[in-house]
């Protein structure tokens, strides 16, 4: 399955400490919601078993770490591309710059398929 998503917020802005608990930020909740809408519109359904996640991140400017986006994307896709991010057996991530069209091209496949 393939889908194109907006560039997610950095992991540095994804989690917040609220009254001693770690919770998703409002920005994170909005990103997860938008990801769900796009996945549902595309007709995606969660894969079973181990999966391979391939990400091509086209960032809007030469700033930000690739690894800060991976966990956020894996979390946002949970329940839409796979049931749980513990199913991810492989991750292939690539970073590019595209100020005119920032995005993430996501491909999720079952391992061994």
PDB file of N, CA and C in Angstrom:
ATOM      1  N   UNK A   1       0.835  -1.171   0.000  1.00  0.00           N
ATOM      2  CA  UNK A   1       0.000   0.000   0.000  1.00  0.00           C
ATOM      3  C   UNK A   1       0.882   1.237   0.000  1.00  0.00           C
ATOM      4  N   UNK A   2       0.458   2.235  -0.749  1.00  0.00           N
ATOM      5  CA  UNK A   2       1.197   3.492  -0.838  1.00  0.00           C
ATOM      6  C   UNK A   2       0.251   4.645  -0.547  1.00  0.00           C
ATOM      7  N   UNK A   3       0.796   5.660   0.109  1.00  0.00           N
ATOM      8  CA  UNK A   3       0.018   6.867   0.404  1.00  0.00           C
ATOM      9  C   UNK A   3       0.983   8.033   0.573  1.00  0.00           C
ATOM     10  N   UNK A   4       0.527   9.215   0.232  1.00  0.00           N
ATOM     11  CA  UNK A   4       1.311  10.427   0.434  1.00  0.00           C
ATOM     12  C   UNK A   4       0.659  11.234   1.548  1.00  0.00           C
ATOM     13  N   UNK A   5       1.482  11.632   2.528  1.00  0.00           N
ATOM     14  CA  UNK A   5       1.007  12.365   3.701  1.00  0.00           C
ATOM     15  C   UNK A   5       1.749  13.683   3.838  1.00  0.00           C
ATOM     16  N   UNK A   6       1.216  14.565   4.659  1.00  0.00           N
ATOM     17  CA  UNK A   6       1.935  15.777   5.028  1.00  0.00           C
ATOM     18  C   UNK A   6       3.150  15.392   5.872  1.00  0.00           C
ATOM     19  N   UNK A   7       4.142  16.249   5.881  1.00  0.00           N
ATOM     20  CA  UNK A   7       5.303  16.030   6.747  1.00  0.00           C
ATOM     21  C   UNK A   7       4.825  16.148   8.192  1.00  0.00           C
ATOM     22  N   UNK A   8       5.140  15.162   9.023  1.00  0.00           N
ATOM     23  CA  UNK A   8       4.642  15.192  10.402  1.00  0.00           C
ATOM     24  C   UNK A   8       5.414  16.188  11.263  1.00  0.00           C
ATOM     25  N   UNK A   9       4.836  16.544  12.386  1.00  0.00           N
ATOM     26  CA  UNK A   9       5.597  17.358  13.335  1.00  0.00           C
ATOM     27  C   UNK A   9       6.785  16.551  13.855  1.00  0.00           C
ATOM     28  N   UNK A  10       7.788  17.250  14.285  1.00  0.00           N
ATOM     29  CA  UNK A  10       8.958  16.591  14.870  1.00  0.00           C
ATOM     30  C   UNK A  10       8.570  15.889  16.169  1.00  0.00           C
ATOM     31  N   UNK A  11       9.281  14.837  16.494  1.00  0.00           N
ATOM     32  CA  UNK A  11       9.046  14.146  17.768  1.00  0.00           C
ATOM     33  C   UNK A  11       9.240  15.112  18.940  1.00  0.00           C
ATOM     34  N   UNK A  12      10.054  16.149  18.740  1.00  0.00           N
ATOM     35  CA  UNK A  12      10.276  17.146  19.792  1.00  0.00           C
ATOM     36  C   UNK A  12       9.000  17.924  20.121  1.00  0.00           C
ATOM     37  N   UNK A  13       8.046  17.971  19.187  1.00  0.00           N
ATOM     38  CA  UNK A  13       6.786  18.676  19.411  1.00  0.00           C
ATOM     39  C   UNK A  13       5.603  17.722  19.513  1.00  0.00           C
ATOM     40  N   UNK A  14       5.848  16.437  19.401  1.00  0.00           N
ATOM     41  CA  UNK A  14       4.782  15.443  19.371  1.00  0.00           C
ATOM     42  C   UNK A  14       4.270  15.080  20.761  1.00  0.00           C
ATOM     43  N   UNK A  15       5.161  15.002  21.717  1.00  0.00           N
ATOM     44  CA  UNK A  15       4.794  14.597  23.074  1.00  0.00           C
ATOM     45  C   UNK A  15       4.916  15.774  24.028  1.00  0.00           C
ATOM     46  N   UNK A  16       4.048  15.848  25.010  1.00  0.00           N
ATOM     47  CA  UNK A  16       4.059  16.896  26.018  1.00  0.00           C
ATOM     48  C   UNK A  16       3.870  16.285  27.395  1.00  0.00           C
ATOM     49  N   UNK A  17       4.424  16.940  28.386  1.00  0.00           N
ATOM     50  CA  UNK A  17       4.232  16.549  29.768  1.00  0.00           C
ATOM     51  C   UNK A  17       3.059  17.357  30.314  1.00  0.00           C
ATOM     52  N   UNK A  18       2.006  16.667  30.707  1.00  0.00           N
ATOM     53  CA  UNK A  18       0.814  17.330  31.235  1.00  0.00           C
ATOM     54  C   UNK A  18       0.496  16.738  32.595  1.00  0.00           C
ATOM     55  N   UNK A  19       0.665  17.522  33.625  1.00  0.00           N
ATOM     56  CA  UNK A  19       0.402  17.117  34.999  1.00  0.00           C
ATOM     57  C   UNK A  19       1.083  15.791  35.350  1.00  0.00           C
ATOM     58  N   UNK A  20       2.340  15.686  34.938  1.00  0.00           N
ATOM     59  CA  UNK A  20       3.131  14.508  35.270  1.00  0.00           C
ATOM     60  C   UNK A  20       2.939  13.324  34.341  1.00  0.00           C
ATOM     61  N   UNK A  21       2.083  13.467  33.331  1.00  0.00           N
ATOM     62  CA  UNK A  21       1.852  12.395  32.364  1.00  0.00           C
ATOM     63  C   UNK A  21       2.367  12.834  31.000  1.00  0.00           C
ATOM     64  N   UNK A  22       2.864  11.884  30.229  1.00  0.00           N
ATOM     65  CA  UNK A  22       3.289  12.160  28.860  1.00  0.00           C
ATOM     66  C   UNK A  22       2.086  11.924  27.947  1.00  0.00           C
ATOM     67  N   UNK A  23       1.691  12.955  27.217  1.00  0.00           N
ATOM     68  CA  UNK A  23       0.524  12.885  26.333  1.00  0.00           C
ATOM     69  C   UNK A  23       0.898  13.442  24.961  1.00  0.00           C
ATOM     70  N   UNK A  24       0.095  13.099  23.953  1.00  0.00           N
ATOM     71  CA  UNK A  24       0.285  13.677  22.627  1.00  0.00           C
ATOM     72  C   UNK A  24      -0.115  15.145  22.656  1.00  0.00           C
ATOM     73  N   UNK A  25       0.638  15.956  21.933  1.00  0.00           N
ATOM     74  CA  UNK A  25       0.316  17.381  21.814  1.00  0.00           C
ATOM     75  C   UNK A  25      -0.911  17.556  20.931  1.00  0.00           C
ATOM     76  N   UNK A  26      -1.501  18.738  20.959  1.00  0.00           N
ATOM     77  CA  UNK A  26      -2.629  19.035  20.072  1.00  0.00           C
ATOM     78  C   UNK A  26      -2.208  18.868  18.614  1.00  0.00           C
ATOM     79  N   UNK A  27      -0.995  19.267  18.296  1.00  0.00           N
ATOM     80  CA  UNK A  27      -0.464  19.129  16.937  1.00  0.00           C
ATOM     81  C   UNK A  27      -0.380  17.653  16.537  1.00  0.00           C
ATOM     82  N   UNK A  28       0.028  16.821  17.474  1.00  0.00           N
ATOM     83  CA  UNK A  28       0.129  15.378  17.218  1.00  0.00           C
ATOM     84  C   UNK A  28      -1.247  14.767  16.995  1.00  0.00           C
ATOM     85  N   UNK A  29      -2.200  15.165  17.796  1.00  0.00           N
ATOM     86  CA  UNK A  29      -3.564  14.651  17.656  1.00  0.00           C
ATOM     87  C   UNK A  29      -4.132  15.042  16.296  1.00  0.00           C
ATOM     88  N   UNK A  30      -3.906  16.279  15.885  1.00  0.00           N
ATOM     89  CA  UNK A  30      -4.394  16.744  14.584  1.00  0.00           C
ATOM     90  C   UNK A  30      -3.722  15.978  13.445  1.00  0.00           C
ATOM     91  N   UNK A  31      -2.419  15.712  13.569  1.00  0.00           N
ATOM     92  CA  UNK A  31      -1.711  14.985  12.522  1.00  0.00           C
ATOM     93  C   UNK A  31      -2.221  13.542  12.413  1.00  0.00           C
ATOM     94  N   UNK A  32      -2.408  12.898  13.542  1.00  0.00           N
ATOM     95  CA  UNK A  32      -2.926  11.522  13.552  1.00  0.00           C
ATOM     96  C   UNK A  32      -4.330  11.484  12.942  1.00  0.00           C
ATOM     97  N   UNK A  33      -5.153  12.457  13.278  1.00  0.00           N
ATOM     98  CA  UNK A  33      -6.507  12.523  12.735  1.00  0.00           C
ATOM     99  C   UNK A  33      -6.471  12.697  11.210  1.00  0.00           C
ATOM    100  N   UNK A  34      -5.642  13.613  10.721  1.00  0.00           N
ATOM    101  CA  UNK A  34      -5.542  13.842   9.278  1.00  0.00           C
ATOM    102  C   UNK A  34      -5.005  12.602   8.571  1.00  0.00           C
ATOM    103  N   UNK A  35      -4.038  11.938   9.178  1.00  0.00           N
ATOM    104  CA  UNK A  35      -3.500  10.701   8.602  1.00  0.00           C
ATOM    105  C   UNK A  35      -4.612   9.656   8.489  1.00  0.00           C
ATOM    106  N   UNK A  36      -5.414   9.536   9.510  1.00  0.00           N
ATOM    107  CA  UNK A  36      -6.525   8.592   9.489  1.00  0.00           C
ATOM    108  C   UNK A  36      -7.522   8.911   8.390  1.00  0.00           C
ATOM    109  N   UNK A  37      -7.858  10.175   8.230  1.00  0.00           N
ATOM    110  CA  UNK A  37      -8.790  10.573   7.168  1.00  0.00           C
ATOM    111  C   UNK A  37      -8.230  10.220   5.793  1.00  0.00           C
ATOM    112  N   UNK A  38      -6.953  10.515   5.570  1.00  0.00           N
ATOM    113  CA  UNK A  38      -6.333  10.219   4.277  1.00  0.00           C
ATOM    114  C   UNK A  38      -6.274   8.711   4.022  1.00  0.00           C
ATOM    115  N   UNK A  39      -5.918   7.947   5.040  1.00  0.00           N
ATOM    116  CA  UNK A  39      -5.855   6.485   4.898  1.00  0.00           C
ATOM    117  C   UNK A  39      -7.235   5.900   4.607  1.00  0.00           C
ATOM    118  N   UNK A  40      -8.245   6.381   5.323  1.00  0.00           N
ATOM    119  CA  UNK A  40      -9.607   5.896   5.102  1.00  0.00           C
ATOM    120  C   UNK A  40     -10.109   6.263   3.707  1.00  0.00           C
ATOM    121  N   UNK A  41      -9.827   7.492   3.282  1.00  0.00           N
ATOM    122  CA  UNK A  41     -10.231   7.945   1.949  1.00  0.00           C
ATOM    123  C   UNK A  41      -9.561   7.109   0.864  1.00  0.00           C
ATOM    124  N   UNK A  42      -8.301   6.723   1.116  1.00  0.00           N
ATOM    125  CA  UNK A  42      -7.559   5.907   0.146  1.00  0.00           C
ATOM    126  C   UNK A  42      -7.978   4.435   0.196  1.00  0.00           C
ATOM    127  N   UNK A  43      -8.825   4.082   1.154  1.00  0.00           N
ATOM    128  CA  UNK A  43      -9.302   2.705   1.260  1.00  0.00           C
ATOM    129  C   UNK A  43      -8.299   1.744   1.873  1.00  0.00           C
ATOM    130  N   UNK A  44      -7.359   2.274   2.637  1.00  0.00           N
ATOM    131  CA  UNK A  44      -6.363   1.405   3.270  1.00  0.00           C
ATOM    132  C   UNK A  44      -6.987   0.664   4.443  1.00  0.00           C
ATOM    133  N   UNK A  45      -6.506  -0.539   4.666  1.00  0.00           N
ATOM    134  CA  UNK A  45      -6.893  -1.291   5.855  1.00  0.00           C
ATOM    135  C   UNK A  45      -5.625  -1.910   6.433  1.00  0.00           C
ATOM    136  N   UNK A  46      -5.605  -2.098   7.736  1.00  0.00           N
ATOM    137  CA  UNK A  46      -4.388  -2.575   8.398  1.00  0.00           C
ATOM    138  C   UNK A  46      -3.931  -3.948   7.913  1.00  0.00           C
ATOM    139  N   UNK A  47      -2.643  -4.056   7.681  1.00  0.00           N
ATOM    140  CA  UNK A  47      -2.030  -5.336   7.323  1.00  0.00           C
ATOM    141  C   UNK A  47      -1.775  -6.145   8.580  1.00  0.00           C
ATOM    142  N   UNK A  48      -1.764  -7.447   8.436  1.00  0.00           N
ATOM    143  CA  UNK A  48      -1.430  -8.332   9.550  1.00  0.00           C
ATOM    144  C   UNK A  48      -0.005  -8.823   9.387  1.00  0.00           C
ATOM    145  N   UNK A  49       0.595  -9.272  10.468  1.00  0.00           N
ATOM    146  CA  UNK A  49       1.952  -9.813  10.425  1.00  0.00           C
ATOM    147  C   UNK A  49       3.001  -8.718  10.342  1.00  0.00           C
ATOM    148  N   UNK A  50       4.237  -9.143  10.127  1.00  0.00           N
ATOM    149  CA  UNK A  50       5.347  -8.200  10.049  1.00  0.00           C
ATOM    150  C   UNK A  50       5.251  -7.355   8.784  1.00  0.00           C
ATOM    151  N   UNK A  51       5.615  -6.075   8.916  1.00  0.00           N
ATOM    152  CA  UNK A  51       5.561  -5.162   7.784  1.00  0.00           C
ATOM    153  C   UNK A  51       6.891  -4.435   7.598  1.00  0.00           C
ATOM    154  N   UNK A  52       7.062  -3.969   6.375  1.00  0.00           N
ATOM    155  CA  UNK A  52       8.205  -3.132   5.994  1.00  0.00           C
ATOM    156  C   UNK A  52       7.663  -1.733   5.735  1.00  0.00           C
ATOM    157  N   UNK A  53       8.282  -0.743   6.335  1.00  0.00           N
ATOM    158  CA  UNK A  53       7.872   0.642   6.179  1.00  0.00           C
ATOM    159  C   UNK A  53       8.948   1.375   5.382  1.00  0.00           C
ATOM    160  N   UNK A  54       8.574   1.920   4.222  1.00  0.00           N
ATOM    161  CA  UNK A  54       9.496   2.698   3.406  1.00  0.00           C
ATOM    162  C   UNK A  54       8.983   4.124   3.363  1.00  0.00           C
ATOM    163  N   UNK A  55       9.835   5.064   3.773  1.00  0.00           N
ATOM    164  CA  UNK A  55       9.454   6.469   3.880  1.00  0.00           C
ATOM    165  C   UNK A  55      10.389   7.332   3.041  1.00  0.00           C
ATOM    166  N   UNK A  56       9.815   8.194   2.235  1.00  0.00           N
ATOM    167  CA  UNK A  56      10.574   9.216   1.519  1.00  0.00           C
ATOM    168  C   UNK A  56      10.058  10.552   2.028  1.00  0.00           C
ATOM    169  N   UNK A  57      10.868  11.193   2.861  1.00  0.00           N
ATOM    170  CA  UNK A  57      10.465  12.442   3.504  1.00  0.00           C
ATOM    171  C   UNK A  57      11.040  13.604   2.700  1.00  0.00           C
ATOM    172  N   UNK A  58      10.158  14.432   2.167  1.00  0.00           N
ATOM    173  CA  UNK A  58      10.543  15.625   1.421  1.00  0.00           C
ATOM    174  C   UNK A  58      10.266  16.819   2.328  1.00  0.00           C
ATOM    175  N   UNK A  59      11.301  17.289   3.002  1.00  0.00           N
ATOM    176  CA  UNK A  59      11.118  18.348   3.985  1.00  0.00           C
ATOM    177  C   UNK A  59      11.074  19.721   3.301  1.00  0.00           C
ATOM    178  N   UNK A  60      10.415  20.692   3.947  1.00  0.00           N
ATOM    179  CA  UNK A  60      10.248  22.003   3.328  1.00  0.00           C
ATOM    180  C   UNK A  60      11.506  22.874   3.344  1.00  0.00           C
ATOM    181  N   UNK A  61      12.436  22.573   4.233  1.00  0.00           N
ATOM    182  CA  UNK A  61      13.702  23.328   4.286  1.00  0.00           C
ATOM    183  C   UNK A  61      14.772  22.439   4.902  1.00  0.00           C
ATOM    184  N   UNK A  62      15.983  22.833   4.759  1.00  0.00           N
ATOM    185  CA  UNK A  62      17.114  22.029   5.239  1.00  0.00           C
ATOM    186  C   UNK A  62      17.237  22.163   6.750  1.00  0.00           C
ATOM    187  N   UNK A  63      16.251  21.605   7.432  1.00  0.00           N
ATOM    188  CA  UNK A  63      16.225  21.670   8.885  1.00  0.00           C
ATOM    189  C   UNK A  63      15.417  20.484   9.381  1.00  0.00           C
ATOM    190  N   UNK A  64      15.844  19.898  10.457  1.00  0.00           N
ATOM    191  CA  UNK A  64      15.092  18.798  11.056  1.00  0.00           C
ATOM    192  C   UNK A  64      15.733  17.453  10.789  1.00  0.00           C
ATOM    193  N   UNK A  65      15.693  16.607  11.797  1.00  0.00           N
ATOM    194  CA  UNK A  65      16.281  15.279  11.713  1.00  0.00           C
ATOM    195  C   UNK A  65      15.282  14.283  11.155  1.00  0.00           C
ATOM    196  N   UNK A  66      15.771  13.418  10.307  1.00  0.00           N
ATOM    197  CA  UNK A  66      14.939  12.365   9.730  1.00  0.00           C
ATOM    198  C   UNK A  66      14.395  11.449  10.822  1.00  0.00           C
ATOM    199  N   UNK A  67      15.236  11.086  11.770  1.00  0.00           N
ATOM    200  CA  UNK A  67      14.802  10.138  12.801  1.00  0.00           C
ATOM    201  C   UNK A  67      13.703  10.708  13.697  1.00  0.00           C
ATOM    202  N   UNK A  68      13.596  12.025  13.807  1.00  0.00           N
ATOM    203  CA  UNK A  68      12.518  12.619  14.600  1.00  0.00           C
ATOM    204  C   UNK A  68      11.164  12.477  13.929  1.00  0.00           C
ATOM    205  N   UNK A  69      11.160  12.188  12.645  1.00  0.00           N
ATOM    206  CA  UNK A  69       9.905  12.028  11.905  1.00  0.00           C
ATOM    207  C   UNK A  69       9.435  10.573  11.882  1.00  0.00           C
ATOM    208  N   UNK A  70      10.375   9.644  11.964  1.00  0.00           N
ATOM    209  CA  UNK A  70      10.041   8.225  11.800  1.00  0.00           C
ATOM    210  C   UNK A  70       9.065   7.738  12.864  1.00  0.00           C
ATOM    211  N   UNK A  71       9.338   7.992  14.133  1.00  0.00           N
ATOM    212  CA  UNK A  71       8.467   7.522  15.209  1.00  0.00           C
ATOM    213  C   UNK A  71       7.083   8.144  15.105  1.00  0.00           C
ATOM    214  N   UNK A  72       7.044   9.417  14.738  1.00  0.00           N
ATOM    215  CA  UNK A  72       5.768  10.111  14.603  1.00  0.00           C
ATOM    216  C   UNK A  72       4.937   9.478  13.481  1.00  0.00           C
ATOM    217  N   UNK A  73       5.578   9.204  12.342  1.00  0.00           N
ATOM    218  CA  UNK A  73       4.874   8.559  11.227  1.00  0.00           C
ATOM    219  C   UNK A  73       4.405   7.160  11.602  1.00  0.00           C
ATOM    220  N   UNK A  74       5.279   6.395  12.247  1.00  0.00           N
ATOM    221  CA  UNK A  74       4.908   5.030  12.648  1.00  0.00           C
ATOM    222  C   UNK A  74       3.711   5.055  13.587  1.00  0.00           C
ATOM    223  N   UNK A  75       3.678   6.000  14.493  1.00  0.00           N
ATOM    224  CA  UNK A  75       2.566   6.126  15.431  1.00  0.00           C
ATOM    225  C   UNK A  75       1.284   6.550  14.712  1.00  0.00           C
ATOM    226  N   UNK A  76       1.407   7.510  13.801  1.00  0.00           N
ATOM    227  CA  UNK A  76       0.229   8.027  13.093  1.00  0.00           C
ATOM    228  C   UNK A  76      -0.413   6.972  12.194  1.00  0.00           C
ATOM    229  N   UNK A  77       0.392   6.058  11.646  1.00  0.00           N
ATOM    230  CA  UNK A  77      -0.122   5.020  10.743  1.00  0.00           C
ATOM    231  C   UNK A  77      -0.727   3.828  11.482  1.00  0.00           C
ATOM    232  N   UNK A  78      -0.487   3.777  12.778  1.00  0.00           N
ATOM    233  CA  UNK A  78      -0.999   2.665  13.582  1.00  0.00           C
ATOM    234  C   UNK A  78      -2.527   2.657  13.556  1.00  0.00           C
ATOM    235  N   UNK A  79      -3.081   1.505  13.243  1.00  0.00           N
ATOM    236  CA  UNK A  79      -4.525   1.371  13.157  1.00  0.00           C
ATOM    237  C   UNK A  79      -5.065   1.591  11.752  1.00  0.00           C
ATOM    238  N   UNK A  80      -4.210   2.087  10.855  1.00  0.00           N
ATOM    239  CA  UNK A  80      -4.621   2.353   9.479  1.00  0.00           C
ATOM    240  C   UNK A  80      -3.831   1.509   8.475  1.00  0.00           C
ATOM    241  N   UNK A  81      -2.509   1.471   8.630  1.00  0.00           N
ATOM    242  CA  UNK A  81      -1.662   0.694   7.722  1.00  0.00           C
ATOM    243  C   UNK A  81      -1.298  -0.655   8.346  1.00  0.00           C
ATOM    244  N   UNK A  82      -1.297  -0.719   9.652  1.00  0.00           N
ATOM    245  CA  UNK A  82      -1.025  -1.927  10.431  1.00  0.00           C
ATOM    246  C   UNK A  82      -1.718  -1.745  11.766  1.00  0.00           C
ATOM    247  N   UNK A  83      -1.905  -2.837  12.478  1.00  0.00           N
ATOM    248  CA  UNK A  83      -2.634  -2.765  13.742  1.00  0.00           C
ATOM    249  C   UNK A  83      -1.809  -2.139  14.864  1.00  0.00           C
ATOM    250  N   UNK A  84      -0.522  -2.453  14.895  1.00  0.00           N
ATOM    251  CA  UNK A  84       0.345  -1.962  15.970  1.00  0.00           C
ATOM    252  C   UNK A  84       1.731  -1.735  15.400  1.00  0.00           C
ATOM    253  N   UNK A  85       2.404  -0.670  15.835  1.00  0.00           N
ATOM    254  CA  UNK A  85       3.729  -0.393  15.275  1.00  0.00           C
ATOM    255  C   UNK A  85       4.780  -1.427  15.688  1.00  0.00           C
ATOM    256  N   UNK A  86       4.419  -2.337  16.589  1.00  0.00           N
ATOM    257  CA  UNK A  86       5.326  -3.447  16.909  1.00  0.00           C
ATOM    258  C   UNK A  86       5.430  -4.434  15.747  1.00  0.00           C
ATOM    259  N   UNK A  87       4.533  -4.313  14.768  1.00  0.00           N
ATOM    260  CA  UNK A  87       4.581  -5.161  13.574  1.00  0.00           C
ATOM    261  C   UNK A  87       5.700  -4.745  12.615  1.00  0.00           C
ATOM    262  N   UNK A  88       6.252  -3.562  12.793  1.00  0.00           N
ATOM    263  CA  UNK A  88       7.273  -3.057  11.871  1.00  0.00           C
ATOM    264  C   UNK A  88       8.567  -3.836  12.090  1.00  0.00           C
ATOM    265  N   UNK A  89       8.953  -4.606  11.068  1.00  0.00           N
ATOM    266  CA  UNK A  89      10.169  -5.412  11.136  1.00  0.00           C
ATOM    267  C   UNK A  89      11.325  -4.732  10.390  1.00  0.00           C
ATOM    268  N   UNK A  90      11.000  -3.859   9.448  1.00  0.00           N
ATOM    269  CA  UNK A  90      12.019  -3.141   8.670  1.00  0.00           C
ATOM    270  C   UNK A  90      11.561  -1.707   8.456  1.00  0.00           C
ATOM    271  N   UNK A  91      12.519  -0.786   8.490  1.00  0.00           N
ATOM    272  CA  UNK A  91      12.255   0.605   8.147  1.00  0.00           C
ATOM    273  C   UNK A  91      13.344   1.061   7.188  1.00  0.00           C
ATOM    274  N   UNK A  92      12.903   1.618   6.060  1.00  0.00           N
ATOM    275  CA  UNK A  92      13.809   2.233   5.093  1.00  0.00           C
ATOM    276  C   UNK A  92      13.356   3.681   4.979  1.00  0.00           C
ATOM    277  N   UNK A  93      14.214   4.614   5.354  1.00  0.00           N
ATOM    278  CA  UNK A  93      13.827   6.020   5.359  1.00  0.00           C
ATOM    279  C   UNK A  93      14.849   6.843   4.579  1.00  0.00           C
ATOM    280  N   UNK A  94      14.324   7.767   3.794  1.00  0.00           N
ATOM    281  CA  UNK A  94      15.151   8.621   2.947  1.00  0.00           C
ATOM    282  C   UNK A  94      14.698  10.063   3.129  1.00  0.00           C
ATOM    283  N   UNK A  95      15.652  10.979   3.100  1.00  0.00           N
ATOM    284  CA  UNK A  95      15.347  12.394   3.288  1.00  0.00           C
ATOM    285  C   UNK A  95      15.727  13.175   2.041  1.00  0.00           C
ATOM    286  N   UNK A  96      14.811  14.012   1.602  1.00  0.00           N
ATOM    287  CA  UNK A  96      15.026  14.896   0.464  1.00  0.00           C
ATOM    288  C   UNK A  96      14.529  16.281   0.852  1.00  0.00           C
ATOM    289  N   UNK A  97      14.835  17.259   0.037  1.00  0.00           N
ATOM    290  CA  UNK A  97      14.335  18.610   0.250  1.00  0.00           C
ATOM    291  C   UNK A  97      13.434  18.992  -0.925  1.00  0.00           C
ATOM    292  N   UNK A  98      12.271  19.565  -0.613  1.00  0.00           N
ATOM    293  CA  UNK A  98      11.357  20.045  -1.641  1.00  0.00           C
ATOM    294  C   UNK A  98      10.513  21.159  -1.020  1.00  0.00           C
ATOM    295  N   UNK A  99      11.013  22.388  -1.115  1.00  0.00           N
ATOM    296  CA  UNK A  99      10.321  23.507  -0.468  1.00  0.00           C
ATOM    297  C   UNK A  99       8.964  23.787  -1.092  1.00  0.00           C
ATOM    298  N   UNK A 100       8.777  23.404  -2.361  1.00  0.00           N
ATOM    299  CA  UNK A 100       7.515  23.680  -3.040  1.00  0.00           C
ATOM    300  C   UNK A 100       6.436  22.637  -2.758  1.00  0.00           C
ATOM    301  N   UNK A 101       6.844  21.432  -2.388  1.00  0.00           N
ATOM    302  CA  UNK A 101       5.854  20.368  -2.163  1.00  0.00           C
ATOM    303  C   UNK A 101       6.346  19.405  -1.073  1.00  0.00           C
ATOM    304  N   UNK A 102       6.437  19.887   0.176  1.00  0.00           N
ATOM    305  CA  UNK A 102       6.861  18.988   1.251  1.00  0.00           C
ATOM    306  C   UNK A 102       5.824  17.897   1.461  1.00  0.00           C
ATOM    307  N   UNK A 103       6.320  16.673   1.720  1.00  0.00           N
ATOM    308  CA  UNK A 103       5.416  15.535   1.850  1.00  0.00           C
ATOM    309  C   UNK A 103       6.182  14.323   2.353  1.00  0.00           C
ATOM    310  N   UNK A 104       5.462  13.269   2.636  1.00  0.00           N
ATOM    311  CA  UNK A 104       6.057  11.975   2.932  1.00  0.00           C
ATOM    312  C   UNK A 104       5.363  10.953   2.058  1.00  0.00           C
ATOM    313  N   UNK A 105       6.147  10.262   1.259  1.00  0.00           N
ATOM    314  CA  UNK A 105       5.620   9.165   0.461  1.00  0.00           C
ATOM    315  C   UNK A 105       5.858   7.895   1.263  1.00  0.00           C
ATOM    316  N   UNK A 106       4.778   7.224   1.592  1.00  0.00           N
ATOM    317  CA  UNK A 106       4.806   6.068   2.489  1.00  0.00           C
ATOM    318  C   UNK A 106       4.435   4.813   1.686  1.00  0.00           C
ATOM    319  N   UNK A 107       5.220   3.768   1.889  1.00  0.00           N
ATOM    320  CA  UNK A 107       4.859   2.458   1.343  1.00  0.00           C
ATOM    321  C   UNK A 107       4.952   1.455   2.478  1.00  0.00           C
ATOM    322  N   UNK A 108       3.880   0.696   2.669  1.00  0.00           N
ATOM    323  CA  UNK A 108       3.849  -0.334   3.702  1.00  0.00           C
ATOM    324  C   UNK A 108       3.565  -1.661   2.997  1.00  0.00           C
ATOM    325  N   UNK A 109       4.439  -2.622   3.209  1.00  0.00           N
ATOM    326  CA  UNK A 109       4.268  -3.950   2.609  1.00  0.00           C
ATOM    327  C   UNK A 109       4.482  -5.011   3.674  1.00  0.00           C
ATOM    328  N   UNK A 110       3.869  -6.158   3.461  1.00  0.00           N
ATOM    329  CA  UNK A 110       4.104  -7.271   4.359  1.00  0.00           C
ATOM    330  C   UNK A 110       5.484  -7.833   4.082  1.00  0.00           C
ATOM    331  N   UNK A 111       6.221  -8.162   5.112  1.00  0.00           N
ATOM    332  CA  UNK A 111       7.533  -8.774   4.960  1.00  0.00           C
ATOM    333  C   UNK A 111       7.335 -10.161   4.370  1.00  0.00           C
ATOM    334  N   UNK A 112       8.118 -10.480   3.358  1.00  0.00           N
ATOM    335  CA  UNK A 112       8.017 -11.779   2.703  1.00  0.00           C
ATOM    336  C   UNK A 112       7.050 -11.788   1.543  1.00  0.00           C
ATOM    337  N   UNK A 113       6.467 -10.635   1.233  1.00  0.00           N
ATOM    338  CA  UNK A 113       5.514 -10.564   0.121  1.00  0.00           C
ATOM    339  C   UNK A 113       6.189  -9.888  -1.059  1.00  0.00           C
TER     340      UNK A 113
END
